[in-house]
C-alpha atoms as a PDB file:
ATOM      1  CA  MET A   1       3.894 -12.854   4.322  1.00  0.00           C
ATOM      2  CA  ALA A   2       3.072 -14.603   1.063  1.00  0.00           C
ATOM      3  CA  LEU A   3       0.825 -12.922  -1.466  1.00  0.00           C
ATOM      4  CA  SER A   4      -2.360 -14.631  -2.525  1.00  0.00           C
ATOM      5  CA  TRP A   5      -2.791 -15.720  -6.142  1.00  0.00           C
ATOM      6  CA  LYS A   6      -5.186 -12.837  -6.808  1.00  0.00           C
ATOM      7  CA  ALA A   7      -2.804 -10.283  -5.267  1.00  0.00           C
ATOM      8  CA  ARG A   8       0.146 -11.645  -7.282  1.00  0.00           C
ATOM      9  CA  ARG A   9      -1.948 -11.427 -10.440  1.00  0.00           C
ATOM     10  CA  ARG A  10      -2.863  -7.793  -9.748  1.00  0.00           C
ATOM     11  CA  TRP A  11       0.705  -6.815  -8.857  1.00  0.00           C
ATOM     12  CA  SER A  12       2.076  -8.507 -11.970  1.00  0.00           C
ATOM     13  CA  LEU A  13      -0.335  -6.450 -14.076  1.00  0.00           C
ATOM     14  CA  VAL A  14       0.781  -3.223 -12.371  1.00  0.00           C
ATOM     15  CA  ILE A  15       4.435  -4.149 -12.852  1.00  0.00           C
ATOM     16  CA  LEU A  16       3.942  -4.912 -16.544  1.00  0.00           C
ATOM     17  CA  LEU A  17       1.756  -1.912 -17.382  1.00  0.00           C
ATOM     18  CA  VAL A  18       3.453   0.755 -15.260  1.00  0.00           C
ATOM     19  CA  GLY A  19       6.854  -0.459 -14.112  1.00  0.00           C
ATOM     20  CA  LEU A  20       8.148  -1.971 -17.342  1.00  0.00           C
ATOM     21  CA  PRO A  21       7.601   1.145 -19.508  1.00  0.00           C
ATOM     22  CA  ILE A  22       9.301   3.284 -16.843  1.00  0.00           C
ATOM     23  CA  TYR A  23      12.220   0.851 -16.756  1.00  0.00           C
ATOM     24  CA  ILE A  24      12.507   0.888 -20.569  1.00  0.00           C
ATOM     25  CA  VAL A  25      12.553   4.694 -20.703  1.00  0.00           C
ATOM     26  CA  ALA A  26      15.174   4.809 -17.946  1.00  0.00           C
ATOM     27  CA  ALA A  27      17.395   2.229 -19.678  1.00  0.00           C
ATOM     28  CA  VAL A  28      17.224   4.020 -23.042  1.00  0.00           C
ATOM     29  CA  THR A  29      17.850   7.410 -21.434  1.00  0.00           C
ATOM     30  CA  ILE A  30      20.880   6.194 -19.502  1.00  0.00           C
ATOM     31  CA  LEU A  31      22.346   4.471 -22.554  1.00  0.00           C
ATOM     32  CA  ASN A  32      21.831   7.626 -24.659  1.00  0.00           C
ATOM     33  CA  LEU A  33      23.527   9.781 -22.022  1.00  0.00           C
ATOM     34  CA  LEU A  34      26.600   7.544 -22.224  1.00  0.00           C
ATOM     35  CA  GLU A  35      26.899   8.232 -25.968  1.00  0.00           C
ATOM     36  CA  ARG A  36      25.899   5.435 -28.320  1.00  0.00           C
ATOM     37  CA  PRO A  37      28.244   2.466 -27.973  1.00  0.00           C
ATOM     38  CA  PRO A  38      28.901   0.037 -30.845  1.00  0.00           C
ATOM     39  CA  ILE A  39      25.752  -1.803 -31.935  1.00  0.00           C
ATOM     40  CA  TRP A  40      26.902  -5.192 -30.600  1.00  0.00           C
ATOM     41  CA  LEU A  41      27.574  -3.709 -27.147  1.00  0.00           C
ATOM     42  CA  GLU A  42      24.256  -1.868 -27.211  1.00  0.00           C
ATOM     43  CA  PHE A  43      22.494  -5.143 -28.031  1.00  0.00           C
ATOM     44  CA  LEU A  44      24.243  -6.927 -25.147  1.00  0.00           C
ATOM     45  CA  VAL A  45      23.321  -4.142 -22.709  1.00  0.00           C
ATOM     46  CA  TYR A  46      19.649  -4.180 -23.728  1.00  0.00           C
ATOM     47  CA  ALA A  47      19.516  -7.990 -23.622  1.00  0.00           C
ATOM     48  CA  GLY A  48      21.082  -7.990 -20.146  1.00  0.00           C
ATOM     49  CA  LEU A  49      18.744  -5.292 -18.873  1.00  0.00           C
ATOM     50  CA  GLY A  50      15.792  -7.152 -20.383  1.00  0.00           C
ATOM     51  CA  ILE A  51      16.576 -10.135 -18.187  1.00  0.00           C
ATOM     52  CA  LEU A  52      17.691  -8.137 -15.171  1.00  0.00           C
ATOM     53  CA  TRP A  53      14.413  -6.239 -14.680  1.00  0.00           C
ATOM     54  CA  ALA A  54      12.402  -9.423 -14.112  1.00  0.00           C
ATOM     55  CA  LEU A  55      14.658 -11.065 -11.516  1.00  0.00           C
ATOM     56  CA  PRO A  56      13.363  -9.123  -8.487  1.00  0.00           C
ATOM     57  CA  PHE A  57       9.773  -9.896  -9.502  1.00  0.00           C
ATOM     58  CA  ARG A  58      10.103 -13.664 -10.027  1.00  0.00           C
ATOM     59  CA  ALA A  59       8.009 -14.444  -6.964  1.00  0.00           C
ATOM     60  CA  VAL A  60       5.222 -12.146  -8.152  1.00  0.00           C
ATOM     61  CA  PHE A  61       5.082 -13.639 -11.652  1.00  0.00           C
ATOM     62  CA  ARG A  62       5.385 -17.279 -10.591  1.00  0.00           C
ATOM     63  CA  GLY A  63       2.161 -19.202 -11.245  1.00  0.00           C
ATOM     64  CA  VAL A  64       0.132 -16.213 -12.412  1.00  0.00           C
ATOM     65  CA  GLY A  65      -0.669 -17.784 -15.784  1.00  0.00           C
ATOM     66  CA  ARG A  66      -2.185 -20.884 -14.217  1.00  0.00           C
ATOM     67  CA  ALA A  67      -5.706 -21.336 -12.944  1.00  0.00           C
ATOM     68  CA  ASP A  68      -6.502 -20.111  -9.453  1.00  0.00           C
ATOM     69  CA  PRO A  69      -5.350 -22.871  -7.073  1.00  0.00           C
ATOM     70  CA  ASP A  70      -7.812 -21.687  -4.418  1.00  0.00           C
ATOM     71  CA  ALA A  71     -10.863 -21.945  -6.700  1.00  0.00           C
ATOM     72  CA  GLU A  72     -13.272 -24.732  -5.828  1.00  0.00           C
ATOM     73  CA  GLY A  73     -13.739 -26.723  -9.033  1.00  0.00           C
ATOM     74  CA  GLU A  74     -15.154 -23.856 -11.069  1.00  0.00           C
ATOM     75  CA  GLU A  75     -15.102 -25.091 -14.662  1.00  0.00           C
END
């Protein structure tokens, strides 16, 4: 079942405002528990995790920034 544009927009907001901060805290906590690696490796891990978190949510974020395709000529 495909989500409507309005539902995708709401879910993307929830993901960005709630899910992303939780993911950031989890990534920092896990990396700190493993002892601090060299700065270049730490940078690569954070860059990789920064890309990795968004992959499962591509379908939710796709087209959210555009105008509502179901709107009837409201300008």
